[in-house]
PDB file of N, CA and C in Angstrom:
ATOM      1  N   MET A   1      42.641 -53.248 -48.456  1.00  0.00           N
ATOM      2  CA  MET A   1      42.703 -53.806 -49.300  1.00  0.00           C
ATOM      3  C   MET A   1      42.446 -53.041 -50.758  1.00  0.00           C
ATOM      4  N   VAL A   2      43.169 -52.981 -51.956  1.00  0.00           N
ATOM      5  CA  VAL A   2      42.680 -51.909 -52.773  1.00  0.00           C
ATOM      6  C   VAL A   2      42.031 -52.691 -53.977  1.00  0.00           C
ATOM      7  N   MET A   3      40.827 -52.002 -54.186  1.00  0.00           N
ATOM      8  CA  MET A   3      40.119 -52.821 -55.321  1.00  0.00           C
ATOM      9  C   MET A   3      40.339 -52.150 -56.837  1.00  0.00           C
ATOM     10  N   GLU A   4      40.723 -52.787 -58.037  1.00  0.00           N
ATOM     11  CA  GLU A   4      40.068 -52.236 -59.121  1.00  0.00           C
ATOM     12  C   GLU A   4      39.208 -52.347 -59.774  1.00  0.00           C
ATOM     13  N   ILE A   5      39.078 -51.057 -59.849  1.00  0.00           N
ATOM     14  CA  ILE A   5      37.630 -51.132 -60.759  1.00  0.00           C
ATOM     15  C   ILE A   5      37.716 -50.596 -62.119  1.00  0.00           C
ATOM     16  N   THR A   6      36.416 -50.723 -62.573  1.00  0.00           N
ATOM     17  CA  THR A   6      36.332 -50.083 -64.268  1.00  0.00           C
ATOM     18  C   THR A   6      35.412 -49.125 -64.668  1.00  0.00           C
ATOM     19  N   ASP A   7      35.620 -48.668 -65.824  1.00  0.00           N
ATOM     20  CA  ASP A   7      34.015 -47.935 -66.057  1.00  0.00           C
ATOM     21  C   ASP A   7      32.730 -48.778 -65.711  1.00  0.00           C
ATOM     22  N   GLN A   8      32.853 -49.788 -66.066  1.00  0.00           N
ATOM     23  CA  GLN A   8      31.536 -51.117 -65.825  1.00  0.00           C
ATOM     24  C   GLN A   8      31.108 -50.811 -64.232  1.00  0.00           C
ATOM     25  N   SER A   9      32.345 -50.969 -63.227  1.00  0.00           N
ATOM     26  CA  SER A   9      31.891 -51.117 -62.046  1.00  0.00           C
ATOM     27  C   SER A   9      31.652 -49.894 -61.285  1.00  0.00           C
ATOM     28  N   PHE A  10      32.375 -48.704 -61.772  1.00  0.00           N
ATOM     29  CA  PHE A  10      32.357 -47.257 -60.766  1.00  0.00           C
ATOM     30  C   PHE A  10      31.243 -47.043 -60.421  1.00  0.00           C
ATOM     31  N   ALA A  11      29.937 -47.093 -60.666  1.00  0.00           N
ATOM     32  CA  ALA A  11      28.868 -47.019 -59.834  1.00  0.00           C
ATOM     33  C   ALA A  11      28.470 -47.764 -58.641  1.00  0.00           C
ATOM     34  N   ALA A  12      28.710 -48.658 -59.001  1.00  0.00           N
ATOM     35  CA  ALA A  12      28.151 -50.086 -58.069  1.00  0.00           C
ATOM     36  C   ALA A  12      29.420 -49.479 -56.746  1.00  0.00           C
ATOM     37  N   GLU A  13      30.564 -49.618 -56.955  1.00  0.00           N
ATOM     38  CA  GLU A  13      31.463 -49.641 -56.255  1.00  0.00           C
ATOM     39  C   GLU A  13      31.842 -48.344 -55.490  1.00  0.00           C
ATOM     40  N   VAL A  14      31.845 -47.328 -55.929  1.00  0.00           N
ATOM     41  CA  VAL A  14      31.719 -45.982 -55.854  1.00  0.00           C
ATOM     42  C   VAL A  14      31.023 -45.061 -55.584  1.00  0.00           C
ATOM     43  N   LEU A  15      29.748 -44.867 -56.266  1.00  0.00           N
ATOM     44  CA  LEU A  15      28.644 -43.923 -55.991  1.00  0.00           C
ATOM     45  C   LEU A  15      27.645 -44.728 -54.986  1.00  0.00           C
ATOM     46  N   LYS A  16      27.535 -45.953 -55.085  1.00  0.00           N
ATOM     47  CA  LYS A  16      26.412 -46.476 -54.376  1.00  0.00           C
ATOM     48  C   LYS A  16      27.020 -47.432 -53.349  1.00  0.00           C
ATOM     49  N   SER A  17      28.470 -46.853 -52.614  1.00  0.00           N
ATOM     50  CA  SER A  17      28.742 -47.374 -51.594  1.00  0.00           C
ATOM     51  C   SER A  17      28.375 -46.700 -50.523  1.00  0.00           C
ATOM     52  N   ASP A  18      28.471 -47.538 -49.193  1.00  0.00           N
ATOM     53  CA  ASP A  18      28.075 -47.121 -47.938  1.00  0.00           C
ATOM     54  C   ASP A  18      29.200 -46.440 -47.066  1.00  0.00           C
ATOM     55  N   LYS A  19      30.189 -47.017 -47.252  1.00  0.00           N
ATOM     56  CA  LYS A  19      31.434 -46.200 -46.604  1.00  0.00           C
ATOM     57  C   LYS A  19      32.145 -44.935 -47.963  1.00  0.00           C
ATOM     58  N   PRO A  20      33.153 -43.836 -47.077  1.00  0.00           N
ATOM     59  CA  PRO A  20      33.478 -43.177 -48.087  1.00  0.00           C
ATOM     60  C   PRO A  20      34.286 -43.930 -49.089  1.00  0.00           C
ATOM     61  N   VAL A  21      35.333 -43.426 -50.068  1.00  0.00           N
ATOM     62  CA  VAL A  21      35.665 -43.833 -51.251  1.00  0.00           C
ATOM     63  C   VAL A  21      36.865 -43.227 -51.537  1.00  0.00           C
ATOM     64  N   LEU A  22      38.069 -43.509 -51.561  1.00  0.00           N
ATOM     65  CA  LEU A  22      39.166 -43.064 -52.190  1.00  0.00           C
ATOM     66  C   LEU A  22      39.322 -43.635 -53.698  1.00  0.00           C
ATOM     67  N   VAL A  23      39.192 -42.525 -54.674  1.00  0.00           N
ATOM     68  CA  VAL A  23      39.712 -43.399 -56.036  1.00  0.00           C
ATOM     69  C   VAL A  23      40.677 -42.895 -56.770  1.00  0.00           C
ATOM     70  N   ASP A  24      41.628 -43.508 -57.204  1.00  0.00           N
ATOM     71  CA  ASP A  24      43.122 -43.313 -57.423  1.00  0.00           C
ATOM     72  C   ASP A  24      43.094 -43.888 -59.152  1.00  0.00           C
ATOM     73  N   PHE A  25      43.070 -42.332 -59.602  1.00  0.00           N
ATOM     74  CA  PHE A  25      42.912 -42.311 -61.371  1.00  0.00           C
ATOM     75  C   PHE A  25      44.474 -42.500 -61.437  1.00  0.00           C
ATOM     76  N   TRP A  26      45.042 -43.802 -62.056  1.00  0.00           N
ATOM     77  CA  TRP A  26      46.729 -44.272 -62.292  1.00  0.00           C
ATOM     78  C   TRP A  26      46.684 -44.223 -63.764  1.00  0.00           C
ATOM     79  N   ALA A  27      47.703 -44.863 -63.982  1.00  0.00           N
ATOM     80  CA  ALA A  27      48.108 -45.402 -64.801  1.00  0.00           C
ATOM     81  C   ALA A  27      49.757 -46.372 -64.649  1.00  0.00           C
ATOM     82  N   PRO A  28      49.983 -47.200 -65.542  1.00  0.00           N
ATOM     83  CA  PRO A  28      51.369 -48.221 -65.308  1.00  0.00           C
ATOM     84  C   PRO A  28      52.164 -47.674 -65.691  1.00  0.00           C
ATOM     85  N   TRP A  29      52.336 -46.382 -66.663  1.00  0.00           N
ATOM     86  CA  TRP A  29      53.687 -45.571 -66.936  1.00  0.00           C
ATOM     87  C   TRP A  29      53.740 -44.804 -66.345  1.00  0.00           C
ATOM     88  N   CYS A  30      53.440 -44.415 -65.110  1.00  0.00           N
ATOM     89  CA  CYS A  30      53.173 -42.843 -64.459  1.00  0.00           C
ATOM     90  C   CYS A  30      54.001 -43.145 -63.052  1.00  0.00           C
ATOM     91  N   GLY A  31      55.138 -42.420 -63.157  1.00  0.00           N
ATOM     92  CA  GLY A  31      56.375 -42.883 -62.285  1.00  0.00           C
ATOM     93  C   GLY A  31      55.490 -42.259 -60.386  1.00  0.00           C
ATOM     94  N   PRO A  32      54.745 -40.993 -60.888  1.00  0.00           N
ATOM     95  CA  PRO A  32      54.199 -40.788 -59.489  1.00  0.00           C
ATOM     96  C   PRO A  32      53.043 -41.541 -58.975  1.00  0.00           C
ATOM     97  N   CYS A  33      52.724 -42.112 -59.931  1.00  0.00           N
ATOM     98  CA  CYS A  33      51.405 -42.863 -59.430  1.00  0.00           C
ATOM     99  C   CYS A  33      52.369 -44.341 -58.917  1.00  0.00           C
ATOM    100  N   ARG A  34      52.990 -44.664 -58.740  1.00  0.00           N
ATOM    101  CA  ARG A  34      54.077 -46.059 -58.483  1.00  0.00           C
ATOM    102  C   ARG A  34      54.515 -45.449 -57.254  1.00  0.00           C
ATOM    103  N   MET A  35      54.557 -44.123 -56.739  1.00  0.00           N
ATOM    104  CA  MET A  35      54.965 -43.627 -55.391  1.00  0.00           C
ATOM    105  C   MET A  35      54.176 -43.479 -54.559  1.00  0.00           C
ATOM    106  N   VAL A  36      52.546 -43.267 -55.259  1.00  0.00           N
ATOM    107  CA  VAL A  36      51.533 -43.171 -54.378  1.00  0.00           C
ATOM    108  C   VAL A  36      50.821 -44.624 -54.082  1.00  0.00           C
ATOM    109  N   ALA A  37      51.041 -45.282 -54.500  1.00  0.00           N
ATOM    110  CA  ALA A  37      50.469 -47.148 -54.442  1.00  0.00           C
ATOM    111  C   ALA A  37      50.217 -47.544 -53.288  1.00  0.00           C
ATOM    112  N   PRO A  38      51.727 -47.814 -53.054  1.00  0.00           N
ATOM    113  CA  PRO A  38      52.294 -48.234 -51.634  1.00  0.00           C
ATOM    114  C   PRO A  38      51.602 -47.271 -50.405  1.00  0.00           C
ATOM    115  N   ILE A  39      51.483 -45.946 -50.673  1.00  0.00           N
ATOM    116  CA  ILE A  39      50.590 -45.099 -49.495  1.00  0.00           C
ATOM    117  C   ILE A  39      49.435 -45.699 -49.522  1.00  0.00           C
ATOM    118  N   ILE A  40      48.415 -45.672 -50.656  1.00  0.00           N
ATOM    119  CA  ILE A  40      46.986 -46.065 -50.760  1.00  0.00           C
ATOM    120  C   ILE A  40      47.099 -47.730 -50.361  1.00  0.00           C
ATOM    121  N   ASP A  41      48.075 -48.232 -50.249  1.00  0.00           N
ATOM    122  CA  ASP A  41      47.692 -49.768 -50.057  1.00  0.00           C
ATOM    123  C   ASP A  41      47.757 -49.805 -48.550  1.00  0.00           C
ATOM    124  N   LYS A  42      49.009 -49.242 -47.973  1.00  0.00           N
ATOM    125  CA  LYS A  42      49.187 -49.055 -46.397  1.00  0.00           C
ATOM    126  C   LYS A  42      48.120 -47.865 -45.848  1.00  0.00           C
ATOM    127  N   LEU A  43      47.440 -47.200 -46.097  1.00  0.00           N
ATOM    128  CA  LEU A  43      46.167 -46.920 -45.862  1.00  0.00           C
ATOM    129  C   LEU A  43      45.072 -47.476 -45.602  1.00  0.00           C
ATOM    130  N   SER A  44      45.208 -48.332 -47.012  1.00  0.00           N
ATOM    131  CA  SER A  44      43.512 -49.427 -47.190  1.00  0.00           C
ATOM    132  C   SER A  44      43.599 -50.369 -45.797  1.00  0.00           C
ATOM    133  N   THR A  45      44.891 -50.580 -45.365  1.00  0.00           N
ATOM    134  CA  THR A  45      44.995 -51.809 -44.303  1.00  0.00           C
ATOM    135  C   THR A  45      44.610 -50.927 -43.210  1.00  0.00           C
ATOM    136  N   LYS A  46      45.400 -49.991 -43.056  1.00  0.00           N
ATOM    137  CA  LYS A  46      44.863 -48.895 -41.551  1.00  0.00           C
ATOM    138  C   LYS A  46      43.455 -48.737 -41.444  1.00  0.00           C
ATOM    139  N   TYR A  47      42.677 -48.138 -42.494  1.00  0.00           N
ATOM    140  CA  TYR A  47      41.102 -47.719 -42.228  1.00  0.00           C
ATOM    141  C   TYR A  47      40.538 -48.762 -42.848  1.00  0.00           C
ATOM    142  N   GLU A  48      40.625 -50.027 -42.521  1.00  0.00           N
ATOM    143  CA  GLU A  48      39.899 -51.260 -43.307  1.00  0.00           C
ATOM    144  C   GLU A  48      38.420 -51.268 -42.432  1.00  0.00           C
ATOM    145  N   GLY A  49      37.420 -51.251 -43.392  1.00  0.00           N
ATOM    146  CA  GLY A  49      36.348 -51.351 -42.753  1.00  0.00           C
ATOM    147  C   GLY A  49      35.562 -49.918 -42.715  1.00  0.00           C
ATOM    148  N   LYS A  50      36.146 -48.928 -42.367  1.00  0.00           N
ATOM    149  CA  LYS A  50      35.605 -47.682 -42.433  1.00  0.00           C
ATOM    150  C   LYS A  50      35.782 -46.632 -43.733  1.00  0.00           C
ATOM    151  N   PHE A  51      36.571 -46.931 -44.466  1.00  0.00           N
ATOM    152  CA  PHE A  51      36.765 -46.580 -45.731  1.00  0.00           C
ATOM    153  C   PHE A  51      37.026 -47.295 -47.113  1.00  0.00           C
ATOM    154  N   LYS A  52      36.848 -47.042 -48.198  1.00  0.00           N
ATOM    155  CA  LYS A  52      36.813 -47.984 -49.233  1.00  0.00           C
ATOM    156  C   LYS A  52      38.294 -46.900 -49.805  1.00  0.00           C
ATOM    157  N   PHE A  53      38.888 -48.056 -50.403  1.00  0.00           N
ATOM    158  CA  PHE A  53      40.262 -47.927 -51.731  1.00  0.00           C
ATOM    159  C   PHE A  53      40.094 -48.419 -53.156  1.00  0.00           C
ATOM    160  N   CYS A  54      39.810 -47.721 -54.324  1.00  0.00           N
ATOM    161  CA  CYS A  54      39.620 -48.207 -55.163  1.00  0.00           C
ATOM    162  C   CYS A  54      40.536 -47.552 -56.366  1.00  0.00           C
ATOM    163  N   LYS A  55      41.400 -48.196 -57.112  1.00  0.00           N
ATOM    164  CA  LYS A  55      42.042 -47.489 -58.105  1.00  0.00           C
ATOM    165  C   LYS A  55      41.468 -48.258 -59.564  1.00  0.00           C
ATOM    166  N   LEU A  56      41.486 -46.745 -60.626  1.00  0.00           N
ATOM    167  CA  LEU A  56      40.919 -46.825 -62.306  1.00  0.00           C
ATOM    168  C   LEU A  56      42.220 -46.452 -62.692  1.00  0.00           C
ATOM    169  N   ASN A  57      42.626 -47.383 -63.954  1.00  0.00           N
ATOM    170  CA  ASN A  57      43.214 -47.146 -64.816  1.00  0.00           C
ATOM    171  C   ASN A  57      42.716 -46.218 -66.064  1.00  0.00           C
ATOM    172  N   VAL A  58      43.259 -44.906 -66.047  1.00  0.00           N
ATOM    173  CA  VAL A  58      43.029 -43.842 -66.795  1.00  0.00           C
ATOM    174  C   VAL A  58      43.036 -44.485 -68.298  1.00  0.00           C
ATOM    175  N   ASP A  59      43.914 -45.584 -68.599  1.00  0.00           N
ATOM    176  CA  ASP A  59      44.310 -46.092 -70.344  1.00  0.00           C
ATOM    177  C   ASP A  59      42.948 -47.049 -70.597  1.00  0.00           C
ATOM    178  N   GLU A  60      42.540 -47.633 -69.620  1.00  0.00           N
ATOM    179  CA  GLU A  60      41.658 -48.796 -69.849  1.00  0.00           C
ATOM    180  C   GLU A  60      40.337 -48.155 -69.593  1.00  0.00           C
ATOM    181  N   ASN A  61      39.907 -47.155 -68.866  1.00  0.00           N
ATOM    182  CA  ASN A  61      38.566 -46.787 -68.371  1.00  0.00           C
ATOM    183  C   ASN A  61      38.573 -45.137 -68.550  1.00  0.00           C
ATOM    184  N   LYS A  62      38.623 -44.744 -69.878  1.00  0.00           N
ATOM    185  CA  LYS A  62      38.303 -43.493 -70.417  1.00  0.00           C
ATOM    186  C   LYS A  62      37.374 -42.946 -69.760  1.00  0.00           C
ATOM    187  N   THR A  63      36.164 -42.953 -70.087  1.00  0.00           N
ATOM    188  CA  THR A  63      34.718 -42.674 -69.575  1.00  0.00           C
ATOM    189  C   THR A  63      35.104 -42.189 -67.828  1.00  0.00           C
ATOM    190  N   THR A  64      34.970 -42.735 -67.475  1.00  0.00           N
ATOM    191  CA  THR A  64      34.709 -42.260 -66.036  1.00  0.00           C
ATOM    192  C   THR A  64      36.016 -41.094 -65.381  1.00  0.00           C
ATOM    193  N   ALA A  65      37.236 -41.441 -66.330  1.00  0.00           N
ATOM    194  CA  ALA A  65      38.411 -40.341 -66.056  1.00  0.00           C
ATOM    195  C   ALA A  65      37.808 -39.186 -66.601  1.00  0.00           C
ATOM    196  N   ALA A  66      36.883 -39.189 -68.100  1.00  0.00           N
ATOM    197  CA  ALA A  66      36.497 -38.412 -68.513  1.00  0.00           C
ATOM    198  C   ALA A  66      35.390 -37.249 -67.531  1.00  0.00           C
ATOM    199  N   GLN A  67      34.971 -38.068 -67.374  1.00  0.00           N
ATOM    200  CA  GLN A  67      33.242 -37.690 -66.502  1.00  0.00           C
ATOM    201  C   GLN A  67      33.689 -36.536 -65.175  1.00  0.00           C
ATOM    202  N   TYR A  68      35.058 -37.146 -64.947  1.00  0.00           N
ATOM    203  CA  TYR A  68      35.705 -36.835 -63.588  1.00  0.00           C
ATOM    204  C   TYR A  68      36.606 -35.459 -64.038  1.00  0.00           C
ATOM    205  N   ARG A  69      37.038 -35.341 -65.178  1.00  0.00           N
ATOM    206  CA  ARG A  69      37.781 -34.386 -65.609  1.00  0.00           C
ATOM    207  C   ARG A  69      39.176 -34.633 -64.860  1.00  0.00           C
ATOM    208  N   VAL A  70      39.541 -35.626 -65.102  1.00  0.00           N
ATOM    209  CA  VAL A  70      41.031 -36.220 -64.398  1.00  0.00           C
ATOM    210  C   VAL A  70      42.282 -35.710 -65.894  1.00  0.00           C
ATOM    211  N   MET A  71      43.077 -34.897 -65.271  1.00  0.00           N
ATOM    212  CA  MET A  71      43.632 -34.080 -66.891  1.00  0.00           C
ATOM    213  C   MET A  71      45.394 -34.984 -66.219  1.00  0.00           C
ATOM    214  N   SER A  72      45.646 -34.534 -65.145  1.00  0.00           N
ATOM    215  CA  SER A  72      46.606 -35.170 -64.676  1.00  0.00           C
ATOM    216  C   SER A  72      46.787 -36.717 -63.577  1.00  0.00           C
ATOM    217  N   ILE A  73      47.762 -37.138 -63.937  1.00  0.00           N
ATOM    218  CA  ILE A  73      47.792 -38.599 -62.781  1.00  0.00           C
ATOM    219  C   ILE A  73      49.042 -38.393 -61.726  1.00  0.00           C
ATOM    220  N   PRO A  74      48.841 -38.911 -60.518  1.00  0.00           N
ATOM    221  CA  PRO A  74      47.352 -39.524 -60.089  1.00  0.00           C
ATOM    222  C   PRO A  74      46.888 -38.528 -59.769  1.00  0.00           C
ATOM    223  N   THR A  75      45.514 -38.653 -60.014  1.00  0.00           N
ATOM    224  CA  THR A  75      44.396 -37.653 -58.950  1.00  0.00           C
ATOM    225  C   THR A  75      44.098 -38.979 -58.113  1.00  0.00           C
ATOM    226  N   LEU A  76      43.432 -38.172 -57.085  1.00  0.00           N
ATOM    227  CA  LEU A  76      42.801 -39.062 -55.943  1.00  0.00           C
ATOM    228  C   LEU A  76      41.816 -38.213 -55.979  1.00  0.00           C
ATOM    229  N   LEU A  77      40.315 -38.888 -55.693  1.00  0.00           N
ATOM    230  CA  LEU A  77      39.324 -38.477 -55.385  1.00  0.00           C
ATOM    231  C   LEU A  77      38.355 -39.210 -54.623  1.00  0.00           C
ATOM    232  N   PHE A  78      38.171 -38.323 -53.488  1.00  0.00           N
ATOM    233  CA  PHE A  78      37.748 -38.703 -52.194  1.00  0.00           C
ATOM    234  C   PHE A  78      35.979 -38.606 -52.561  1.00  0.00           C
ATOM    235  N   PHE A  79      35.102 -39.616 -52.410  1.00  0.00           N
ATOM    236  CA  PHE A  79      33.619 -39.904 -52.457  1.00  0.00           C
ATOM    237  C   PHE A  79      32.983 -39.739 -51.499  1.00  0.00           C
ATOM    238  N   LYS A  80      32.245 -39.235 -50.751  1.00  0.00           N
ATOM    239  CA  LYS A  80      31.025 -39.370 -49.743  1.00  0.00           C
ATOM    240  C   LYS A  80      29.734 -39.373 -50.189  1.00  0.00           C
ATOM    241  N   SER A  81      28.980 -40.629 -50.083  1.00  0.00           N
ATOM    242  CA  SER A  81      27.174 -40.576 -50.504  1.00  0.00           C
ATOM    243  C   SER A  81      27.515 -40.117 -51.717  1.00  0.00           C
ATOM    244  N   GLY A  82      28.275 -40.958 -52.439  1.00  0.00           N
ATOM    245  CA  GLY A  82      28.331 -40.609 -54.050  1.00  0.00           C
ATOM    246  C   GLY A  82      28.935 -39.334 -54.738  1.00  0.00           C
ATOM    247  N   GLN A  83      29.359 -38.240 -54.229  1.00  0.00           N
ATOM    248  CA  GLN A  83      29.505 -37.028 -54.349  1.00  0.00           C
ATOM    249  C   GLN A  83      31.114 -37.118 -54.129  1.00  0.00           C
ATOM    250  N   VAL A  84      31.902 -36.110 -55.069  1.00  0.00           N
ATOM    251  CA  VAL A  84      33.161 -35.803 -54.904  1.00  0.00           C
ATOM    252  C   VAL A  84      33.080 -35.173 -53.695  1.00  0.00           C
ATOM    253  N   ALA A  85      34.251 -35.234 -52.676  1.00  0.00           N
ATOM    254  CA  ALA A  85      34.214 -34.777 -51.465  1.00  0.00           C
ATOM    255  C   ALA A  85      35.380 -33.507 -51.009  1.00  0.00           C
ATOM    256  N   ASP A  86      36.351 -34.480 -51.936  1.00  0.00           N
ATOM    257  CA  ASP A  86      37.762 -33.900 -51.314  1.00  0.00           C
ATOM    258  C   ASP A  86      38.570 -34.340 -53.240  1.00  0.00           C
ATOM    259  N   MET A  87      39.832 -33.680 -53.266  1.00  0.00           N
ATOM    260  CA  MET A  87      40.717 -34.275 -54.430  1.00  0.00           C
ATOM    261  C   MET A  87      41.995 -33.753 -53.806  1.00  0.00           C
ATOM    262  N   VAL A  88      42.668 -34.968 -54.910  1.00  0.00           N
ATOM    263  CA  VAL A  88      44.437 -34.626 -54.728  1.00  0.00           C
ATOM    264  C   VAL A  88      45.100 -34.501 -56.005  1.00  0.00           C
ATOM    265  N   VAL A  89      45.757 -34.029 -56.170  1.00  0.00           N
ATOM    266  CA  VAL A  89      46.578 -34.425 -57.833  1.00  0.00           C
ATOM    267  C   VAL A  89      47.411 -34.266 -57.713  1.00  0.00           C
ATOM    268  N   GLY A  90      48.396 -35.266 -57.751  1.00  0.00           N
ATOM    269  CA  GLY A  90      49.993 -35.419 -57.933  1.00  0.00           C
ATOM    270  C   GLY A  90      50.696 -36.329 -56.551  1.00  0.00           C
ATOM    271  N   ALA A  91      51.602 -37.202 -56.662  1.00  0.00           N
ATOM    272  CA  ALA A  91      51.878 -37.940 -55.184  1.00  0.00           C
ATOM    273  C   ALA A  91      52.004 -36.842 -54.100  1.00  0.00           C
ATOM    274  N   VAL A  92      51.546 -37.115 -52.859  1.00  0.00           N
ATOM    275  CA  VAL A  92      51.889 -36.610 -51.865  1.00  0.00           C
ATOM    276  C   VAL A  92      52.028 -37.404 -50.582  1.00  0.00           C
ATOM    277  N   PRO A  93      52.191 -36.945 -49.448  1.00  0.00           N
ATOM    278  CA  PRO A  93      52.550 -37.892 -48.187  1.00  0.00           C
ATOM    279  C   PRO A  93      51.444 -38.702 -47.782  1.00  0.00           C
ATOM    280  N   GLU A  94      51.913 -39.392 -47.347  1.00  0.00           N
ATOM    281  CA  GLU A  94      51.094 -40.097 -46.486  1.00  0.00           C
ATOM    282  C   GLU A  94      50.056 -39.346 -45.383  1.00  0.00           C
ATOM    283  N   SER A  95      50.720 -38.814 -44.632  1.00  0.00           N
ATOM    284  CA  SER A  95      50.077 -37.657 -43.383  1.00  0.00           C
ATOM    285  C   SER A  95      49.310 -36.961 -44.095  1.00  0.00           C
ATOM    286  N   ALA A  96      49.441 -36.563 -45.553  1.00  0.00           N
ATOM    287  CA  ALA A  96      48.336 -35.735 -46.019  1.00  0.00           C
ATOM    288  C   ALA A  96      47.272 -36.731 -46.371  1.00  0.00           C
ATOM    289  N   LEU A  97      47.230 -37.449 -46.664  1.00  0.00           N
ATOM    290  CA  LEU A  97      46.272 -38.284 -46.968  1.00  0.00           C
ATOM    291  C   LEU A  97      45.604 -38.712 -45.569  1.00  0.00           C
ATOM    292  N   SER A  98      46.147 -39.105 -45.009  1.00  0.00           N
ATOM    293  CA  SER A  98      45.482 -39.719 -43.885  1.00  0.00           C
ATOM    294  C   SER A  98      44.478 -38.730 -43.141  1.00  0.00           C
ATOM    295  N   GLN A  99      44.970 -37.211 -43.105  1.00  0.00           N
ATOM    296  CA  GLN A  99      44.475 -36.104 -43.033  1.00  0.00           C
ATOM    297  C   GLN A  99      42.850 -35.830 -43.427  1.00  0.00           C
ATOM    298  N   LYS A 100      42.901 -35.889 -45.223  1.00  0.00           N
ATOM    299  CA  LYS A 100      41.596 -36.125 -45.762  1.00  0.00           C
ATOM    300  C   LYS A 100      40.855 -37.036 -45.272  1.00  0.00           C
ATOM    301  N   ILE A 101      41.250 -38.215 -45.037  1.00  0.00           N
ATOM    302  CA  ILE A 101      40.443 -39.535 -44.960  1.00  0.00           C
ATOM    303  C   ILE A 101      39.858 -39.201 -43.459  1.00  0.00           C
ATOM    304  N   ASP A 102      40.601 -38.428 -42.480  1.00  0.00           N
ATOM    305  CA  ASP A 102      40.103 -38.333 -40.645  1.00  0.00           C
ATOM    306  C   ASP A 102      39.323 -37.792 -41.335  1.00  0.00           C
ATOM    307  N   GLN A 103      39.356 -36.390 -41.734  1.00  0.00           N
ATOM    308  CA  GLN A 103      38.029 -35.572 -42.249  1.00  0.00           C
ATOM    309  C   GLN A 103      36.814 -35.868 -42.528  1.00  0.00           C
ATOM    310  N   LEU A 104      36.649 -36.697 -43.346  1.00  0.00           N
ATOM    311  CA  LEU A 104      35.964 -37.261 -44.253  1.00  0.00           C
ATOM    312  C   LEU A 104      35.449 -38.370 -43.091  1.00  0.00           C
ATOM    313  N   LEU A 105      35.479 -38.874 -42.206  1.00  0.00           N
ATOM    314  CA  LEU A 105      35.077 -39.685 -41.719  1.00  0.00           C
ATOM    315  C   LEU A 105      34.665 -39.079 -40.387  1.00  0.00           C
ATOM    316  N   GLN A 106      34.677 -37.708 -39.880  1.00  0.00           N
ATOM    317  CA  GLN A 106      34.322 -37.204 -38.883  1.00  0.00           C
ATOM    318  C   GLN A 106      33.237 -36.208 -39.238  1.00  0.00           C
ATOM    319  N   LYS A 107      33.026 -36.174 -40.837  1.00  0.00           N
ATOM    320  CA  LYS A 107      31.805 -35.533 -40.986  1.00  0.00           C
ATOM    321  C   LYS A 107      30.226 -36.401 -40.839  1.00  0.00           C
TER     322      LYS A 107
END
């Protein structure tokens, strides 16, 4: 399951999470974001219970997007223990995201 988060819920859901978290910085008008969304949905099912998946609409939550210097979307930030552990900008294949998730789960 992919959770919609906001500037207000970001710290509780991402920074204080006991699991690694992927945050998808997106917007409804973004074509590549729409390409990545079904991949993230699929991965959220595959890694359920081990990894957390969140979406943050950059149009509605500018503070968090600015804080992490999100310049283009989709930007996917991978958090572990409240810190950015990895990053992907743009639409990438499922295999590339799975590889990054697996690497974070092994650390």
